Amino acid sequence: MGISERIYSIPLKHIRISECNARLTDKKIGIEELAQSIKRHGLLQPVTLRGSYGNPPYELIVGQRRYHAHRLIPKSTIEAVFCGDINDWEAKILSLTENMHRVELNHADKAEAITALYLHYNRNDRRVSRELDIPLRTVRDYIKIEEQATAKAKRLLREGRIRKADVKRVIDAAQGDTNKADRLLDKMPYLSKYEKSRAVRYSQSHPKASFEEIIEVSQKQVIETTIILSLPKEIVIALNKAAYKLSMDRESVARKALSDWLENKGFLKGQI
């Protein structure tokens, strides 16, 4: 799946949007601003087309917003490179890979595309991770949300009204109870990170706990002691690597590692 280095000027009328494009929503948000930027500074990055030059029509794989901005200006042509006659799944991977590293792509689009690839590869999440060059934990997070989050959770994510990390916490805390999940969604953004952690831990050890019980326990005053440790460089590097791979903050990784070690050695009974 190689992209040509040569840049061509392609008439917009010869281009159609590919069904393999990862961007399904928010296609035209901010298009006016992008059009103005292109008018002032020109197109900084060409779009990517499927097919070969000289054989229109071409399919737009990467650069849908740039394409719409050109139509708005309006311009009759757009700079483009070609990725050849790749198959649909290679086109979807190319589109998603480019968009995964762009802030604009909606969470719902990422989750849908990643889950589609996951199913295409016979639920092989490691292959999806390799194909997209993103951490395995990230792939699993998106699949988990797409398959287990409620419709309300997905809507709030799409609207930017809740964080992905909080949706994951709600899934873990609700234990499959959709009514409990939707009530927790409303409360989770207002809890501190320690209260959120306590809510999840209590829910997992008490699957039948009501919403009210979970919130009451999470907000109980707990005496916490801060311990400052001097860590060797290699441990800090490993901690940073684990935090990145697991999509967790360093404090949570360190706390989990310490509690697991103490429990395995018999010094800690049950989850904290």
Protein backbone atom coordinates (compact mmCIF):
# COMPACT_ATOMS: atom_id res chain seq x y z
CA MET A 1 0.00 0.00 0.00
CA GLY A 2 2.32 2.73 -1.31
CA ILE A 3 1.40 6.34 -1.95
CA SER A 4 2.92 8.06 -4.96
CA GLU A 5 5.27 10.96 -4.31
CA ARG A 6 4.12 12.88 -7.39
CA ILE A 7 1.40 15.48 -6.79
CA TYR A 8 -1.25 16.01 -9.46
CA SER A 9 -3.83 18.74 -9.99
CA ILE A 10 -7.16 16.91 -10.25
CA PRO A 11 -10.53 18.40 -11.31
CA LEU A 12 -13.03 18.17 -8.44
CA LYS A 13 -15.64 16.87 -10.88
CA HIS A 14 -13.52 13.75 -11.37
CA ILE A 15 -13.54 12.90 -7.64
CA ARG A 16 -16.14 11.09 -5.55
CA ILE A 17 -16.08 10.38 -1.81
CA SER A 18 -15.15 6.77 -1.09
CA GLU A 19 -17.46 4.68 1.08
CA CYS A 20 -14.27 3.50 2.79
CA ASN A 21 -13.63 6.96 4.23
CA ALA A 22 -13.40 6.77 8.03
CA ARG A 23 -15.07 10.13 8.57
CA LEU A 24 -18.84 9.57 8.73
CA THR A 25 -19.84 12.48 10.97
CA ASP A 26 -18.75 16.11 11.45
CA LYS A 27 -17.76 16.21 7.78
CA LYS A 28 -18.34 19.93 7.32
CA ILE A 29 -17.69 21.33 10.80
CA GLY A 30 -15.19 24.18 10.48
CA ILE A 31 -15.16 23.96 6.67
CA GLU A 32 -15.54 27.74 6.30
CA GLU A 33 -12.43 28.33 8.43
CA LEU A 34 -10.50 25.67 6.51
CA ALA A 35 -11.55 27.22 3.19
CA GLN A 36 -10.30 30.63 4.35
CA SER A 37 -6.99 29.10 5.44
CA ILE A 38 -6.55 27.41 2.05
CA LYS A 39 -7.33 30.68 0.27
CA ARG A 40 -4.66 32.48 2.32
CA HIS A 41 -1.94 29.85 2.55
CA GLY A 42 -2.77 27.29 -0.11
CA LEU A 43 -3.30 23.57 0.44
CA LEU A 44 -0.61 22.37 2.85
CA GLN A 45 -1.23 18.65 2.33
CA PRO A 46 -2.64 16.99 -0.82
CA VAL A 47 -5.61 14.65 -0.62
CA THR A 48 -5.19 10.93 -1.31
CA LEU A 49 -7.08 9.25 -4.13
CA ARG A 50 -7.63 5.60 -5.02
CA GLY A 51 -6.99 4.68 -8.63
CA SER A 52 -4.35 5.73 -11.12
CA TYR A 53 -3.81 9.08 -12.76
CA GLY A 54 -5.51 9.42 -16.13
CA ASN A 55 -8.35 7.02 -15.34
CA PRO A 56 -11.15 9.03 -13.69
CA PRO A 57 -13.37 9.00 -11.72
CA TYR A 58 -11.15 8.77 -8.64
CA GLU A 59 -12.15 7.82 -5.09
CA LEU A 60 -11.24 10.19 -2.27
CA ILE A 61 -9.70 8.14 0.57
CA VAL A 62 -8.03 10.84 2.70
CA GLY A 63 -8.86 14.55 2.82
CA GLN A 64 -12.64 14.81 2.76
CA ARG A 65 -12.72 18.15 4.63
CA ARG A 66 -10.08 19.61 2.29
CA TYR A 67 -12.18 18.48 -0.67
CA HIS A 68 -15.34 20.16 0.71
CA ALA A 69 -13.35 23.33 1.47
CA HIS A 70 -12.19 23.49 -2.17
CA ARG A 71 -15.79 23.21 -3.34
CA LEU A 72 -16.77 26.03 -1.00
CA ILE A 73 -14.03 28.48 -2.13
CA PRO A 74 -14.84 27.49 -4.95
CA LYS A 75 -11.91 25.92 -6.79
CA SER A 76 -12.17 23.63 -9.77
CA THR A 77 -9.10 21.48 -9.00
CA ILE A 78 -7.29 20.09 -5.96
CA GLU A 79 -3.76 18.76 -5.42
CA ALA A 80 -3.72 15.00 -4.91
CA VAL A 81 -1.52 11.93 -4.65
CA PHE A 82 -2.53 8.40 -5.61
CA CYS A 83 -2.42 5.23 -3.51
CA GLY A 84 -3.09 2.88 -6.43
CA ASP A 85 -5.85 0.29 -6.80
CA ILE A 86 -5.94 -0.87 -3.18
CA ASN A 87 -8.82 -2.96 -1.84
CA ASP A 88 -11.60 -1.63 0.39
CA TRP A 89 -10.01 -2.74 3.66
CA GLU A 90 -6.64 -1.25 2.75
CA ALA A 91 -8.46 1.97 1.87
CA LYS A 92 -10.29 1.99 5.23
CA ILE A 93 -7.03 1.40 7.10
CA LEU A 94 -5.33 4.22 5.18
CA SER A 95 -8.19 6.63 5.91
CA LEU A 96 -8.40 5.70 9.57
CA THR A 97 -4.63 5.78 10.15
CA GLU A 98 -4.44 9.32 8.79
CA ASN A 99 -7.43 10.47 10.82
CA MET A 100 -6.46 8.71 14.07
CA HIS A 101 -3.76 11.33 14.57
CA ARG A 102 -6.02 14.28 13.76
CA VAL A 103 -8.03 15.92 16.56
CA GLU A 104 -11.05 16.53 14.32
CA LEU A 105 -12.10 12.90 13.82
CA ASN A 106 -15.16 12.13 15.96
CA HIS A 107 -14.85 9.39 18.57
CA ALA A 108 -17.87 7.61 17.07
CA ASP A 109 -16.16 7.43 13.68
CA LYS A 110 -12.99 5.97 15.19
CA ALA A 111 -14.94 3.42 17.22
CA GLU A 112 -17.02 2.34 14.21
CA ALA A 113 -14.04 2.00 11.90
CA ILE A 114 -11.83 0.21 14.45
CA THR A 115 -14.63 -2.20 15.36
CA ALA A 116 -15.29 -2.89 11.65
CA LEU A 117 -11.62 -3.76 11.15
CA TYR A 118 -11.67 -5.87 14.32
CA LEU A 119 -14.59 -7.93 12.98
CA HIS A 120 -13.02 -8.13 9.51
CA TYR A 121 -9.85 -9.59 11.02
CA ASN A 122 -11.85 -12.24 12.92
CA ARG A 123 -11.69 -10.31 16.22
CA ASN A 124 -7.89 -10.13 16.11
CA ASP A 125 -7.29 -6.90 18.04
CA ARG A 126 -3.52 -7.30 17.82
CA ARG A 127 -3.65 -7.20 14.03
CA VAL A 128 -5.78 -4.04 14.14
CA SER A 129 -3.18 -2.51 16.46
CA ARG A 130 -0.38 -3.43 14.04
CA GLU A 131 -2.25 -2.23 10.94
CA LEU A 132 -3.10 1.16 12.46
CA ASP A 133 0.14 1.53 14.43
CA ILE A 134 -1.70 2.44 17.65
CA PRO A 135 -1.43 0.85 21.12
CA LEU A 136 -3.33 -2.40 21.64
CA ARG A 137 -4.98 -0.93 24.74
CA THR A 138 -6.36 1.92 22.62
CA VAL A 139 -7.85 -0.56 20.15
CA ARG A 140 -9.44 -2.52 23.00
CA ASP A 141 -10.82 0.68 24.54
CA TYR A 142 -12.63 1.65 21.34
CA ILE A 143 -13.97 -1.86 20.82
CA LYS A 144 -15.15 -2.01 24.43
CA ILE A 145 -17.02 1.26 24.11
CA GLU A 146 -18.54 0.40 20.72
CA GLU A 147 -19.75 -2.99 21.95
CA GLN A 148 -20.69 -2.24 25.58
CA ALA A 149 -21.49 1.46 26.00
CA THR A 150 -25.14 2.53 26.04
CA ALA A 151 -26.65 4.69 23.32
CA LYS A 152 -26.63 7.61 25.77
CA ALA A 153 -22.90 7.18 26.43
CA LYS A 154 -22.13 7.16 22.70
CA ARG A 155 -24.26 10.28 22.19
CA LEU A 156 -22.50 12.15 25.01
CA LEU A 157 -19.12 11.14 23.58
CA ARG A 158 -20.15 12.30 20.11
CA GLU A 159 -21.24 15.65 21.56
CA GLY A 160 -18.02 15.99 23.56
CA ARG A 161 -19.91 16.12 26.87
CA ILE A 162 -18.07 13.22 28.52
CA ARG A 163 -14.56 11.80 28.39
CA LYS A 164 -13.72 8.37 26.99
CA ALA A 165 -12.07 7.44 30.31
CA ASP A 166 -15.31 8.13 32.19
CA VAL A 167 -17.34 6.00 29.76
CA LYS A 168 -14.92 3.13 30.40
CA ARG A 169 -15.36 3.62 34.15
CA VAL A 170 -19.15 3.58 33.78
CA ILE A 171 -19.01 0.34 31.77
CA ASP A 172 -16.87 -1.28 34.48
CA ALA A 173 -19.05 0.05 37.30
CA ALA A 174 -22.44 -0.74 35.76
CA GLN A 175 -21.63 -4.43 35.25
CA GLY A 176 -24.02 -4.68 32.29
CA ASP A 177 -26.90 -2.79 33.95
CA THR A 178 -27.88 -0.16 31.34
CA ASN A 179 -30.13 1.81 33.71
CA LYS A 180 -27.34 2.03 36.28
CA ALA A 181 -24.88 2.96 33.52
CA ASP A 182 -26.97 5.89 32.31
CA ARG A 183 -27.42 7.22 35.85
CA LEU A 184 -23.68 6.94 36.48
CA LEU A 185 -23.00 8.83 33.24
CA ASP A 186 -24.74 11.87 34.69
CA LYS A 187 -22.78 11.70 37.95
CA MET A 188 -19.31 10.59 36.83
CA PRO A 189 -18.05 13.97 35.51
CA TYR A 190 -18.66 15.55 38.92
CA LEU A 191 -16.64 13.01 40.92
CA SER A 192 -12.96 13.42 41.72
CA LYS A 193 -10.56 10.88 40.22
CA TYR A 194 -10.30 9.16 43.60
CA GLU A 195 -14.10 8.97 43.91
CA LYS A 196 -14.33 7.56 40.40
CA SER A 197 -11.78 4.87 41.26
CA ARG A 198 -13.62 3.96 44.45
CA ALA A 199 -16.93 3.77 42.54
CA VAL A 200 -15.47 1.30 40.03
CA ARG A 201 -13.70 -0.82 42.66
CA TYR A 202 -16.80 -1.03 44.86
CA SER A 203 -19.05 -1.88 41.89
CA GLN A 204 -16.77 -4.66 40.73
CA SER A 205 -16.66 -6.24 44.19
CA HIS A 206 -20.41 -5.64 44.74
CA PRO A 207 -22.05 -6.27 41.32
CA LYS A 208 -25.58 -5.95 42.74
CA ALA A 209 -24.97 -2.61 44.45
CA SER A 210 -27.47 0.09 43.56
CA PHE A 211 -26.57 3.41 41.98
CA GLU A 212 -27.17 5.14 45.31
CA GLU A 213 -24.87 2.72 47.17
CA ILE A 214 -22.09 3.15 44.62
CA ILE A 215 -22.19 6.94 44.85
CA GLU A 216 -22.43 6.90 48.66
CA VAL A 217 -19.37 4.66 48.99
CA SER A 218 -17.42 6.61 46.38
CA GLN A 219 -17.95 9.88 48.24
CA LYS A 220 -17.14 8.61 51.72
CA GLN A 221 -14.19 10.32 53.27
CA VAL A 222 -11.16 8.09 53.00
CA ILE A 223 -7.84 8.81 54.67
CA GLU A 224 -5.19 8.66 51.97
CA THR A 225 -1.48 8.96 52.57
CA THR A 226 0.87 10.40 49.97
CA ILE A 227 4.21 8.62 49.74
CA ILE A 228 7.01 10.20 47.71
CA LEU A 229 9.36 7.65 46.18
CA SER A 230 12.72 8.09 44.50
CA LEU A 231 12.61 5.74 41.51
CA PRO A 232 15.49 4.53 39.34
CA LYS A 233 15.48 5.85 35.77
CA GLU A 234 14.58 2.46 34.28
CA ILE A 235 11.51 2.21 36.55
CA VAL A 236 10.36 5.69 35.51
CA ILE A 237 10.77 4.75 31.85
CA ALA A 238 8.82 1.54 32.40
CA LEU A 239 6.11 3.45 34.28
CA ASN A 240 5.77 5.96 31.45
CA LYS A 241 5.62 3.16 28.90
CA ALA A 242 2.93 1.32 30.87
CA ALA A 243 0.86 4.50 31.28
CA TYR A 244 0.98 5.09 27.52
CA LYS A 245 0.23 1.50 26.55
CA LEU A 246 -2.61 1.16 29.07
CA SER A 247 -4.04 4.67 28.48
CA MET A 248 -3.82 5.37 32.22
CA ASP A 249 -2.15 8.10 34.26
CA ARG A 250 1.14 7.19 35.96
CA GLU A 251 -0.31 7.43 39.46
CA SER A 252 -3.01 4.86 38.65
CA VAL A 253 -0.47 2.47 37.12
CA ALA A 254 1.83 2.77 40.15
CA ARG A 255 -1.05 2.31 42.60
CA LYS A 256 -2.33 -0.75 40.73
CA ALA A 257 1.13 -2.32 40.52
CA LEU A 258 1.80 -1.74 44.23
CA SER A 259 -1.60 -3.04 45.39
CA ASP A 260 -1.31 -6.15 43.17
CA TRP A 261 2.19 -6.91 44.53
CA LEU A 262 1.09 -6.48 48.16
CA GLU A 263 -1.97 -8.64 47.58
CA ASN A 264 0.05 -11.39 45.86
CA LYS A 265 2.50 -11.40 48.79
CA GLY A 266 -0.35 -11.71 51.27
CA PHE A 267 0.06 -8.26 52.86
CA LEU A 268 -3.20 -6.90 51.43
CA LYS A 269 -6.52 -8.68 51.64
CA GLY A 270 -8.96 -7.91 48.82
CA GLN A 271 -9.20 -4.85 46.64
CA ILE A 272 -8.62 -1.41 48.10
